[in-house]
Amino acid sequence: MSRIRIRHSTGFRYEGDVHTSYNEARMLPAAANGQYVLYSHLDVLPSTSTHSYIDYWGTKVTAFDVLSGHHELSLTAASLVEVTPRGPRLDAALDWHGIDAARERSVDLVEQTEQTLLTTPPAEVVAIALDARARTSSPDAAAAEILSTVHHSVEFEAGVTGVRTTAEEAWVERRGVCQDISHIALGALRAVGIPSRYVSGYLHPQPDAPLGQTVDGESHAWVEYWDGAWRGWDPTNDVEIGERHVLVGHGRDYNDVPPLRGVYAGLFSSEMFVKVEITREA
């Protein structure tokens, strides 16, 4: 078991006063299997009323408007989460026929098998995925090979891609961040009929950090694939989801779970700022 404290500050600075802004934040951890939220709160400046709801994909959203002039919008999400070991799987994974049959009965599985603009894979990735399916004995084994291949084929490098970068573009460069690597993995898994979804959250970056030591972190992304149950895997680090991962939400791709999204009325350009601090307390 680990207990993780997260402080995520983000927002926009404007060149001049902005008259109004309309925003949505997806920054607070979710209660999920093996994950317990002990505390979570979102502060917004300028101070304004907020409205929380659960979106179509099951992610908690905090919506708010700022209707007075402001030159900076600042959000701070503070959370304390307890994450327990997932333990060995106790159920049997489905075969290909079982997945196909289940998908015919579930809108959710169909939605998580269709490609999006961000996940549509290039022909080379489709070929890799089809080869893995042909050479392995089960969807679970095929998924493991696909995810490992993506990890070893794409180098993690910040600053070479953006939030609009597609899986195909990142694959051509063979470089990107966790978002890009997850999009490539999703495209490959979906190409062979394995339902899979994009997960947004946090990762404690230093497994050996002493208790109580605060370290710089960042938002993180990984995938979950379905073979009778949802299985989490981090293709950026090629590890199973564990006690250092904190889940916020999931969807078809990044566009369904951005930490902060909004529009504003004004003639000025904006600059986004982000700082994430993570502390392991137990």
Foldseek 3Di string as FASTA:
>chain_A
DWKKKKKKKKWKFWPFWFQKKKKKFLAWFDDDVQKDWPDKDKAKPVDFDWDWDQDPQGFIMIITMDRGIDRIIMMIMITMMFGDWNDDDDDDFAFPVVLVVVCVVDPLQVQQLDADQQQAEDPVLLVLLVVLVVPDGGLVSSLLSSLQVLQVQAAEDPDPDDPPHHLHNRNVVSYYHQQNSQSPSSNSSSSSPWRKKKWKWWFDPDPPDDAPDKDWTDIHMWMWTGRPDTFTARSNVGGGDGRRTTTRGIDNGCVVHPRMDMDTHDDIDMDMDMTMMMGIHD
